[in-house]
Amino acid sequence: MSAFSGCFDISLSRITSSAQSLNEDNSVNVFKHSGTMLSGKLGIRYTYPKGMILPFAEL
């Protein structure tokens, strides 16, 4: 087993929120927001190869 390996991660998140505000004339405004976020990560991982527990570090 090699101690170095490559890693690749893709994350997709959907975010929604809403808020209300009260105007001076006592009317209510409702604000709704939504979006989708896509992020990716590419890196190198080192795994300590000795012992029963194998800790690792990523860059």
Protein backbone atom coordinates (compact mmCIF):
# COMPACT_ATOMS: atom_id res chain seq x y z
CA MET A 1 0.00 0.00 0.00
CA SER A 2 1.36 3.40 -0.96
CA ALA A 3 1.38 6.13 1.72
CA PHE A 4 0.47 8.84 -0.85
CA SER A 5 -2.80 8.97 -2.78
CA GLY A 6 -4.87 11.47 -4.71
CA CYS A 7 -8.29 12.66 -3.57
CA PHE A 8 -11.17 14.27 -5.45
CA ASP A 9 -14.38 15.56 -3.87
CA ILE A 10 -17.49 17.21 -5.36
CA SER A 11 -20.19 18.77 -3.19
CA LEU A 12 -23.61 19.99 -4.29
CA SER A 13 -25.70 22.02 -1.82
CA ARG A 14 -29.17 23.55 -2.09
CA ILE A 15 -29.78 26.59 0.12
CA THR A 16 -33.16 28.23 0.79
CA SER A 17 -34.16 30.92 3.28
CA SER A 18 -36.98 33.34 3.95
CA ALA A 19 -37.38 36.44 6.12
CA GLN A 20 -40.18 38.81 7.02
CA SER A 21 -40.08 42.50 7.79
CA LEU A 22 -42.74 44.84 9.07
CA ASN A 23 -43.10 48.21 7.34
CA GLU A 24 -44.06 51.50 8.97
CA ASP A 25 -47.65 51.09 7.67
CA ASN A 26 -47.91 47.63 9.36
CA SER A 27 -47.68 45.72 6.08
CA VAL A 28 -45.47 42.63 5.94
CA ASN A 29 -42.77 42.04 3.32
CA VAL A 30 -41.62 38.47 2.77
CA PHE A 31 -38.20 37.85 1.22
CA LYS A 32 -37.38 34.39 -0.16
CA HIS A 33 -33.94 33.38 -1.37
CA SER A 34 -32.78 30.11 -2.89
CA GLY A 35 -29.65 28.93 -4.60
CA THR A 36 -27.49 25.97 -5.49
CA MET A 37 -23.78 25.77 -4.74
CA LEU A 38 -21.34 23.39 -6.43
CA SER A 39 -17.79 23.07 -5.13
CA GLY A 40 -14.91 20.75 -5.86
CA LYS A 41 -11.67 19.77 -4.18
CA LEU A 42 -8.58 18.11 -5.59
CA GLY A 43 -5.67 17.17 -3.38
CA ILE A 44 -3.05 14.79 -2.08
CA ARG A 45 -3.44 12.54 0.98
CA TYR A 46 -0.65 11.03 3.07
CA THR A 47 -1.55 8.05 5.24
CA TYR A 48 0.83 6.89 7.98
CA PRO A 49 1.29 3.22 6.97
CA LYS A 50 2.26 1.60 10.32
CA GLY A 51 0.07 0.35 13.14
CA MET A 52 -3.56 -0.60 13.51
CA ILE A 53 -4.80 3.01 13.33
CA LEU A 54 -3.90 4.80 10.09
CA PRO A 55 -4.00 8.59 10.57
CA PHE A 56 -3.90 10.76 7.45
CA ALA A 57 -3.26 14.37 6.39
CA GLU A 58 -4.64 16.10 3.28
CA LEU A 59 -3.55 19.08 1.24
